[in-house]
Amino acid sequence: MSHRGPVAYNAPMPPHITHIALHVRDLERCVAFYRDYCAMDVVHERGEGESRVVWIAEAGREKDFIFVIIPGGSHQPQDPEDFTHLGFACETREKVNEVAAKAGADGRLVWPPTELPYPVGYFCGVRDPDGNIVEFSYGQPLGPGAEPSSAGA
């Protein structure tokens, strides 16, 4: 199927991304990781044991975007050449370095701090307890530390 330009969405409000749901092997360790590394807090939880579901969000964004953390599911190991990741913007390069240092000490650093041309910027990659890669970046055109877009970039 080929894409032939923008698709018109005729509803009064176009859809907006609100959440990502992640199946994890260890719910408590994953919630703690996103709390410690990403400053996300539990905003809703329900159920017990294998039926427990936890919603986490950044402070002030609880109604904009959340992660839904669900126990179970099948673990899919990520190939070293697979750059699938979750991305978080940092306000400074120093914050990226701090995250990388913490991740190195915790045995979680996957991509050491690296600078690539715009729009990638300065980033590092950290593996969460379930094996997902989480990127921390500065200088991308999104979020805190965003740089203005370059013409033709």
Protein backbone atom coordinates (compact mmCIF):
# COMPACT_ATOMS: atom_id res chain seq x y z
CA MET A 1 0.00 0.00 0.00
CA SER A 2 1.50 3.33 -1.01
CA HIS A 3 1.06 6.57 0.87
CA ARG A 4 -0.35 9.35 -1.30
CA GLY A 5 -0.13 12.32 1.04
CA PRO A 6 -1.91 13.39 4.19
CA VAL A 7 -5.09 11.57 5.08
CA ALA A 8 -7.94 13.89 6.02
CA TYR A 9 -9.42 13.19 9.42
CA ASN A 10 -12.90 14.66 9.54
CA ALA A 11 -13.72 14.23 13.23
CA PRO A 12 -14.00 17.38 15.38
CA MET A 13 -10.69 16.53 17.07
CA PRO A 14 -7.94 14.41 15.51
CA PRO A 15 -6.62 11.54 17.64
CA HIS A 16 -3.74 12.23 20.05
CA ILE A 17 -1.33 9.71 21.50
CA THR A 18 -2.15 9.22 25.18
CA HIS A 19 -0.26 6.13 26.32
CA ILE A 20 2.05 3.25 25.61
CA ALA A 21 1.36 -0.10 27.28
CA LEU A 22 4.32 -2.28 28.18
CA HIS A 23 4.13 -5.90 29.27
CA VAL A 24 6.94 -6.53 31.74
CA ARG A 25 8.33 -9.52 33.62
CA ASP A 26 8.87 -7.62 36.89
CA LEU A 27 6.35 -4.85 37.42
CA GLU A 28 7.90 -3.50 40.65
CA ARG A 29 11.42 -3.24 39.19
CA CYS A 30 10.13 -1.52 36.05
CA VAL A 31 8.04 0.99 37.99
CA ALA A 32 11.09 1.73 40.20
CA PHE A 33 13.30 2.17 37.11
CA TYR A 34 10.97 4.70 35.47
CA ARG A 35 10.59 6.51 38.80
CA ASP A 36 14.35 6.69 39.38
CA TYR A 37 15.57 7.36 35.85
CA CYS A 38 12.64 9.26 34.31
CA ALA A 39 10.97 10.95 37.31
CA MET A 40 7.68 9.22 36.52
CA ASP A 41 5.25 8.50 39.35
CA VAL A 42 2.33 6.13 39.80
CA VAL A 43 -0.89 7.97 38.92
CA HIS A 44 -3.26 4.99 38.93
CA GLU A 45 -3.17 1.33 39.82
CA ARG A 46 -5.66 -1.47 40.04
CA GLY A 47 -5.76 -5.20 40.66
CA GLU A 48 -3.38 -7.47 42.53
CA GLY A 49 -0.66 -9.94 41.64
CA GLU A 50 -0.57 -10.84 37.94
CA SER A 51 -3.75 -8.77 37.44
CA ARG A 52 -2.14 -5.57 38.76
CA VAL A 53 -1.85 -2.71 36.26
CA VAL A 54 0.06 0.48 36.99
CA TRP A 55 -0.11 3.81 35.15
CA ILE A 56 2.93 6.08 35.47
CA ALA A 57 3.45 9.63 34.22
CA GLU A 58 5.70 12.65 34.46
CA ALA A 59 4.53 15.24 36.99
CA GLY A 60 2.04 17.61 35.37
CA ARG A 61 1.50 15.36 32.33
CA GLU A 62 -0.84 12.82 33.95
CA LYS A 63 -3.63 13.71 31.52
CA ASP A 64 -1.39 14.04 28.46
CA PHE A 65 0.71 10.89 28.23
CA ILE A 66 1.27 7.81 30.43
CA PHE A 67 2.94 4.41 30.41
CA VAL A 68 0.66 1.53 31.31
CA ILE A 69 2.79 -1.15 32.95
CA ILE A 70 1.27 -4.65 32.80
CA PRO A 71 2.82 -7.81 34.23
CA GLY A 72 3.33 -10.81 31.97
CA GLY A 73 3.41 -11.08 28.23
CA SER A 74 6.26 -12.55 26.23
CA HIS A 75 9.74 -11.05 26.37
CA GLN A 76 11.23 -10.23 22.98
CA PRO A 77 15.02 -9.85 23.15
CA GLN A 78 16.22 -6.79 21.24
CA ASP A 79 18.83 -7.39 18.54
CA PRO A 80 21.98 -5.22 18.98
CA GLU A 81 21.26 -3.55 15.61
CA ASP A 82 17.65 -2.77 16.58
CA PHE A 83 17.36 0.88 17.63
CA THR A 84 13.79 0.60 18.92
CA HIS A 85 13.63 2.76 22.05
CA LEU A 86 11.61 5.08 24.26
CA GLY A 87 12.92 8.65 24.21
CA PHE A 88 13.17 11.20 27.02
CA ALA A 89 14.48 14.74 26.53
CA CYS A 90 16.86 16.26 29.07
CA GLU A 91 17.31 19.99 29.72
CA THR A 92 21.13 19.85 29.49
CA ARG A 93 24.01 17.74 28.18
CA GLU A 94 25.14 17.43 31.79
CA LYS A 95 21.87 15.65 32.66
CA VAL A 96 22.51 13.15 29.84
CA ASN A 97 25.98 12.58 31.33
CA GLU A 98 24.51 12.12 34.83
CA VAL A 99 22.04 9.52 33.54
CA ALA A 100 24.83 7.72 31.67
CA ALA A 101 27.03 7.67 34.79
CA LYS A 102 24.18 6.26 36.91
CA ALA A 103 23.35 3.68 34.24
CA GLY A 104 27.02 2.68 33.97
CA ALA A 105 27.22 2.17 37.74
CA ASP A 106 23.96 0.17 37.62
CA GLY A 107 25.14 -1.99 34.69
CA ARG A 108 22.39 -0.59 32.42
CA LEU A 109 24.29 1.61 29.94
CA VAL A 110 23.76 0.44 26.35
CA TRP A 111 24.81 3.50 24.33
CA PRO A 112 27.44 5.78 25.90
CA PRO A 113 26.91 9.54 25.47
CA THR A 114 27.21 10.30 21.78
CA GLU A 115 26.80 13.42 19.65
CA LEU A 116 25.20 13.06 16.20
CA PRO A 117 24.12 15.76 13.73
CA TYR A 118 20.78 17.53 14.10
CA PRO A 119 18.09 16.40 14.73
CA VAL A 120 19.58 13.53 16.79
CA GLY A 121 21.72 15.62 19.14
CA TYR A 122 23.49 14.33 22.25
CA PHE A 123 22.16 11.11 23.77
CA CYS A 124 22.78 7.94 25.72
CA GLY A 125 20.82 4.69 25.93
CA VAL A 126 19.87 2.77 29.05
CA ARG A 127 18.28 -0.67 29.36
CA ASP A 128 15.24 -0.93 31.64
CA PRO A 129 14.73 -4.05 33.81
CA ASP A 130 12.69 -5.72 31.06
CA GLY A 131 15.28 -5.09 28.34
CA ASN A 132 13.70 -2.06 26.64
CA ILE A 133 16.15 0.65 25.60
CA VAL A 134 15.41 4.11 26.95
CA GLU A 135 17.15 7.06 25.30
CA PHE A 136 18.00 10.28 27.15
CA SER A 137 18.79 13.13 24.80
CA TYR A 138 19.59 16.82 24.59
CA GLY A 139 19.39 19.04 21.52
CA GLN A 140 16.63 17.27 19.63
CA PRO A 141 13.72 19.35 18.30
CA LEU A 142 11.40 17.88 20.98
CA GLY A 143 10.89 18.51 24.68
CA PRO A 144 13.19 20.27 27.18
CA GLY A 145 16.48 21.36 25.63
CA ALA A 146 14.86 21.50 22.18
CA GLU A 147 16.77 23.43 19.60
CA PRO A 148 15.01 25.34 16.85
CA SER A 149 14.67 23.37 13.63
CA SER A 150 17.27 23.97 10.95
CA ALA A 151 16.13 24.85 7.46
CA GLY A 152 16.41 21.84 5.19
CA ALA A 153 17.14 19.45 8.08
